[in-house]
């Protein structure tokens, strides 16, 4: 990734992976969260931006959304995964660019952006509040940092609860947390400009939930932490139930509450 002056990269471990399986999962994630993210960007992304940057862009779904809604002169996606960036670049629209960079390293490798956007990123960082403050400092005066992050995930389904226990335990073992949105009310830097925030709910279909969860579990099965904490038979049973939901053979109702936060420098 090269060396950069300023804050040292946190070198976070992205537990959700960048394999072909992980990339397939992100197609469903993009479809599930697109409506609420689009509405958020429409409400809070100021028009006339010269440069908008998508932090942790993955294979480019959120970058395309940012580009389509905001219509800046340029939209840049930053991610440290070479494989994700190859996919993103292959389907880039005119005005969309991608660059390999660890977004926990500041200064960012661009001139001051008018808009920084992050969706479902901060759960994977060990010091999310510190990173939010660092990103705000990267903005042009009057620019906005737009955060679209998980506040809570709720389900009354036993399989859904078991899956959530796996996720929570893995992230906590890595110094991260799924419900990172709860921390963001304290993220506004001293002297920051306007702060706007709201909570929105996202309710995917059972098949969408099952597909996202089942693909994740396949990615994680080789993780040493899971092997040490959960028996193979228990994980096989969980995998089978998630696959059934993905195939439409059982119900799996899960509700995401997202905290959408706009910080203006």
Protein backbone atom coordinates (compact mmCIF):
# COMPACT_ATOMS: atom_id res chain seq x y z
CA UNK A 1 0.00 0.00 0.00
CA UNK A 2 3.00 2.29 0.24
CA UNK A 3 3.97 4.53 3.10
CA UNK A 4 2.13 7.67 4.16
CA UNK A 5 3.04 10.40 6.60
CA UNK A 6 0.82 11.05 9.57
CA UNK A 7 -1.22 8.57 11.59
CA UNK A 8 -0.01 5.00 11.51
CA UNK A 9 -2.46 2.53 9.98
CA UNK A 10 -4.37 0.44 12.48
CA UNK A 11 -4.07 -2.66 10.27
CA UNK A 12 -7.52 -3.90 11.20
CA UNK A 13 -8.41 -7.50 10.46
CA UNK A 14 -11.48 -7.60 8.23
CA UNK A 15 -13.20 -10.76 9.38
CA UNK A 16 -15.74 -10.74 6.54
CA UNK A 17 -12.99 -11.42 3.97
CA UNK A 18 -12.44 -10.48 0.32
CA UNK A 19 -12.83 -13.90 -1.29
CA UNK A 20 -15.21 -14.69 -4.14
CA UNK A 21 -17.72 -15.90 -1.56
CA UNK A 22 -17.41 -12.66 0.39
CA UNK A 23 -17.83 -10.66 -2.81
CA UNK A 24 -21.02 -12.58 -3.65
CA UNK A 25 -22.37 -11.72 -0.21
CA UNK A 26 -21.75 -8.03 -0.82
CA UNK A 27 -24.04 -8.08 -3.84
CA UNK A 28 -26.93 -8.92 -1.50
CA UNK A 29 -25.73 -6.42 1.10
CA UNK A 30 -25.78 -3.69 -1.55
CA UNK A 31 -29.35 -4.55 -2.54
CA UNK A 32 -30.57 -4.69 1.07
CA UNK A 33 -29.10 -1.37 2.20
CA UNK A 34 -29.36 0.60 -1.06
CA UNK A 35 -32.79 2.19 -0.40
CA UNK A 36 -31.95 3.56 3.06
CA UNK A 37 -28.45 4.64 1.97
CA UNK A 38 -29.79 6.38 -1.13
CA UNK A 39 -32.31 8.33 0.94
CA UNK A 40 -29.58 9.29 3.43
CA UNK A 41 -27.30 10.60 0.69
CA UNK A 42 -30.16 12.49 -0.94
CA UNK A 43 -30.94 14.24 2.35
CA UNK A 44 -27.44 15.10 3.49
CA UNK A 45 -24.95 15.15 0.60
CA UNK A 46 -24.63 18.75 -0.55
CA UNK A 47 -24.79 19.23 -4.33
CA UNK A 48 -21.90 20.61 -6.34
CA UNK A 49 -19.15 18.48 -4.82
CA UNK A 50 -15.83 18.39 -6.60
CA UNK A 51 -14.61 15.18 -4.94
CA UNK A 52 -16.55 12.52 -3.04
CA UNK A 53 -14.66 9.62 -1.42
CA UNK A 54 -16.08 6.23 -0.46
CA UNK A 55 -14.11 4.84 2.49
CA UNK A 56 -13.70 1.06 2.48
CA UNK A 57 -15.43 0.81 -0.88
CA UNK A 58 -15.11 -2.97 -1.35
CA UNK A 59 -16.13 -4.06 -4.86
CA UNK A 60 -17.67 -0.66 -5.56
CA UNK A 61 -21.40 -0.98 -4.91
CA UNK A 62 -21.50 1.88 -2.41
CA UNK A 63 -19.17 3.94 -4.62
CA UNK A 64 -21.54 3.67 -7.56
CA UNK A 65 -24.45 4.70 -5.32
CA UNK A 66 -22.49 7.69 -4.01
CA UNK A 67 -21.58 8.71 -7.55
CA UNK A 68 -25.13 8.37 -8.89
CA UNK A 69 -26.78 10.30 -6.06
CA UNK A 70 -24.24 13.06 -5.40
CA UNK A 71 -23.01 13.53 -8.99
CA UNK A 72 -19.66 15.05 -8.03
CA UNK A 73 -16.99 15.88 -10.56
CA UNK A 74 -15.09 12.82 -9.31
CA UNK A 75 -15.87 9.90 -7.02
CA UNK A 76 -12.98 7.93 -5.52
CA UNK A 77 -13.27 4.55 -3.82
CA UNK A 78 -10.56 3.58 -1.34
CA UNK A 79 -9.96 0.04 -0.12
CA UNK A 80 -6.97 -2.11 0.76
CA UNK A 81 -8.26 -5.23 -1.05
CA UNK A 82 -6.71 -5.63 -4.50
CA UNK A 83 -9.32 -8.20 -5.52
CA UNK A 84 -12.25 -5.98 -4.52
CA UNK A 85 -10.71 -3.03 -6.34
CA UNK A 86 -10.25 -5.08 -9.51
CA UNK A 87 -13.98 -5.86 -9.49
CA UNK A 88 -14.88 -2.24 -8.75
CA UNK A 89 -12.66 -0.86 -11.52
CA UNK A 90 -14.07 -3.27 -14.10
CA UNK A 91 -17.56 -1.77 -13.78
CA UNK A 92 -16.65 1.86 -12.97
CA UNK A 93 -18.81 4.62 -14.44
CA UNK A 94 -17.22 7.70 -16.03
CA UNK A 95 -15.87 9.88 -13.23
CA UNK A 96 -15.40 6.95 -10.83
CA UNK A 97 -11.85 6.03 -9.79
CA UNK A 98 -10.45 3.50 -7.34
CA UNK A 99 -7.22 3.44 -5.38
CA UNK A 100 -5.66 0.95 -3.01
CA UNK A 101 -5.28 2.47 0.43
CA UNK A 102 -5.86 1.53 4.07
CA UNK A 103 -8.45 4.11 5.15
CA UNK A 104 -7.17 4.01 8.74
CA UNK A 105 -4.02 5.74 7.46
CA UNK A 106 -4.30 9.52 7.38
CA UNK A 107 -3.69 11.82 5.62
CA UNK A 108 -5.70 10.17 2.87
CA UNK A 109 -3.92 10.05 -0.52
CA UNK A 110 -6.15 12.74 -2.07
CA UNK A 111 -6.69 16.47 -1.91
CA UNK A 112 -9.31 17.59 0.61
CA UNK A 113 -12.64 15.98 -0.34
CA UNK A 114 -16.02 17.68 -0.11
CA UNK A 115 -17.70 14.43 0.97
CA UNK A 116 -16.44 11.35 2.78
CA UNK A 117 -18.84 8.42 2.98
CA UNK A 118 -18.61 5.16 4.97
CA UNK A 119 -21.20 2.41 5.11
CA UNK A 120 -20.89 -0.65 7.36
CA UNK A 121 -17.20 0.10 7.88
CA UNK A 122 -16.72 1.22 11.47
CA UNK A 123 -17.70 -2.16 12.97
CA UNK A 124 -14.42 -3.44 11.59
CA UNK A 125 -12.22 -0.79 13.21
CA UNK A 126 -10.82 -0.98 16.74
CA UNK A 127 -10.92 2.78 17.35
CA UNK A 128 -13.94 4.01 15.41
CA UNK A 129 -14.42 7.31 17.24
CA UNK A 130 -10.79 8.27 16.73
CA UNK A 131 -11.05 7.44 13.03
CA UNK A 132 -14.20 9.54 12.64
CA UNK A 133 -12.38 12.53 14.11
CA UNK A 134 -9.38 11.93 11.85
CA UNK A 135 -11.60 11.75 8.76
CA UNK A 136 -13.42 14.98 9.61
CA UNK A 137 -10.04 16.70 9.68
CA UNK A 138 -9.46 15.53 6.10
CA UNK A 139 -12.49 17.41 4.73
CA UNK A 140 -12.47 20.71 2.94
CA UNK A 141 -14.02 23.46 5.16
CA UNK A 142 -17.78 22.99 4.96
CA UNK A 143 -17.38 19.39 3.76
CA UNK A 144 -19.34 16.49 5.22
CA UNK A 145 -18.54 13.07 6.63
CA UNK A 146 -21.56 10.79 6.10
CA UNK A 147 -21.68 7.63 8.23
CA UNK A 148 -24.14 4.79 7.67
CA UNK A 149 -23.51 2.27 10.47
CA UNK A 150 -25.19 -0.44 12.53
CA UNK A 151 -26.91 0.65 15.74
CA UNK A 152 -28.45 -2.75 16.50
CA UNK A 153 -29.49 -6.05 14.92
CA UNK A 154 -32.59 -7.67 16.37
CA UNK A 155 -34.24 -11.04 15.83
CA UNK A 156 -36.51 -13.36 17.81
CA UNK A 157 -35.37 -16.36 15.75
CA UNK A 158 -33.09 -18.85 17.53
CA UNK A 159 -30.94 -19.39 14.44
CA UNK A 160 -30.61 -15.63 13.97
CA UNK A 161 -29.61 -15.21 17.61
CA UNK A 162 -27.04 -18.01 17.35
CA UNK A 163 -25.54 -16.40 14.28
CA UNK A 164 -25.39 -13.03 16.02
CA UNK A 165 -23.55 -14.61 18.96
CA UNK A 166 -20.91 -15.87 16.54
CA UNK A 167 -20.51 -12.45 14.94
CA UNK A 168 -20.38 -10.58 18.22
CA UNK A 169 -17.86 -12.97 19.73
CA UNK A 170 -15.56 -12.80 16.70
CA UNK A 171 -15.61 -9.02 16.54
CA UNK A 172 -15.13 -8.59 20.28
CA UNK A 173 -12.19 -10.99 20.20
CA UNK A 174 -10.68 -8.69 17.57
CA UNK A 175 -11.36 -5.51 19.57
CA UNK A 176 -14.33 -4.48 17.42
CA UNK A 177 -18.09 -4.28 17.87
CA UNK A 178 -21.09 -4.79 15.63
CA UNK A 179 -23.33 -2.11 17.21
CA UNK A 180 -20.80 0.65 16.56
CA UNK A 181 -23.53 3.19 15.84
CA UNK A 182 -24.08 3.51 19.59
CA UNK A 183 -20.62 5.08 19.88
CA UNK A 184 -21.08 7.70 17.19
CA UNK A 185 -22.96 10.28 19.22
CA UNK A 186 -19.62 10.92 20.95
CA UNK A 187 -17.69 11.13 17.68
CA UNK A 188 -18.18 14.81 16.85
CA UNK A 189 -14.85 16.66 17.13
CA UNK A 190 -14.61 19.75 19.28
CA UNK A 191 -15.43 22.80 17.21
CA UNK A 192 -17.15 20.78 14.48
CA UNK A 193 -19.92 22.36 12.51
CA UNK A 194 -23.43 21.04 12.10
CA UNK A 195 -24.19 17.50 13.29
CA UNK A 196 -27.28 15.69 12.00
CA UNK A 197 -28.27 12.13 12.85
CA UNK A 198 -31.19 9.77 12.71
CA UNK A 199 -32.07 6.10 13.15
CA UNK A 200 -33.63 4.11 10.31
CA UNK A 201 -34.70 0.47 10.14
CA UNK A 202 -33.89 -2.04 7.42
CA UNK A 203 -35.87 -5.29 7.15
CA UNK A 204 -34.55 -7.67 4.47
CA UNK A 205 -36.44 -10.73 3.27
CA UNK A 206 -35.75 -14.08 4.92
CA UNK A 207 -33.92 -15.22 1.81
CA UNK A 208 -31.67 -12.16 1.81
CA UNK A 209 -30.85 -12.60 5.49
CA UNK A 210 -30.20 -16.29 5.03
CA UNK A 211 -27.94 -15.69 2.05
CA UNK A 212 -25.86 -12.99 3.76
CA UNK A 213 -25.47 -15.01 6.95
CA UNK A 214 -24.82 -18.34 5.22
CA UNK A 215 -22.10 -16.90 3.00
CA UNK A 216 -20.47 -15.20 5.98
CA UNK A 217 -20.38 -18.41 7.97
CA UNK A 218 -18.72 -20.19 5.04
CA UNK A 219 -16.03 -17.51 5.00
CA UNK A 220 -15.47 -17.83 8.75
CA UNK A 221 -15.45 -21.62 9.10
CA UNK A 222 -11.66 -21.79 8.88
CA UNK A 223 -11.10 -19.06 11.46
CA UNK A 224 -9.10 -20.44 14.43
CA UNK A 225 -11.26 -18.51 16.89
CA UNK A 226 -14.42 -20.31 15.73
CA UNK A 227 -12.70 -23.68 15.73
CA UNK A 228 -11.65 -23.16 19.35
CA UNK A 229 -15.00 -21.81 20.58
CA UNK A 230 -17.67 -23.78 18.69
CA UNK A 231 -17.97 -27.46 17.85
CA UNK A 232 -18.02 -28.52 14.17
CA UNK A 233 -21.42 -30.19 14.65
CA UNK A 234 -22.92 -27.00 16.09
CA UNK A 235 -21.54 -24.90 13.25
CA UNK A 236 -22.79 -27.46 10.70
CA UNK A 237 -26.27 -27.21 12.20
CA UNK A 238 -26.21 -23.42 12.08
CA UNK A 239 -24.97 -23.50 8.49
CA UNK A 240 -27.78 -25.85 7.49
CA UNK A 241 -30.46 -23.60 8.97
CA UNK A 242 -29.03 -20.51 7.29
CA UNK A 243 -28.90 -22.34 3.97
CA UNK A 244 -32.56 -23.31 4.39
CA UNK A 245 -33.48 -19.66 4.91
CA UNK A 246 -31.45 -18.66 1.83
CA UNK A 247 -33.38 -21.25 -0.20
CA UNK A 248 -36.74 -19.99 1.06
CA UNK A 249 -37.40 -23.13 3.11
CA UNK A 250 -37.74 -21.37 6.45
CA UNK A 251 -38.41 -17.89 7.84
CA UNK A 252 -35.57 -15.79 9.27
CA UNK A 253 -36.71 -12.33 10.32
CA UNK A 254 -33.99 -9.86 11.26
CA UNK A 255 -34.21 -6.07 11.66
CA UNK A 256 -31.24 -3.75 11.34
CA UNK A 257 -31.36 -0.31 12.95
CA UNK A 258 -28.88 2.00 11.25
CA UNK A 259 -27.49 5.21 12.71
CA UNK A 260 -27.00 7.72 9.89
CA UNK A 261 -24.78 10.58 10.95
CA UNK A 262 -23.73 13.66 8.98
CA UNK A 263 -20.80 15.65 10.40
CA UNK A 264 -19.93 18.96 8.72
CA UNK A 265 -16.48 20.42 9.18
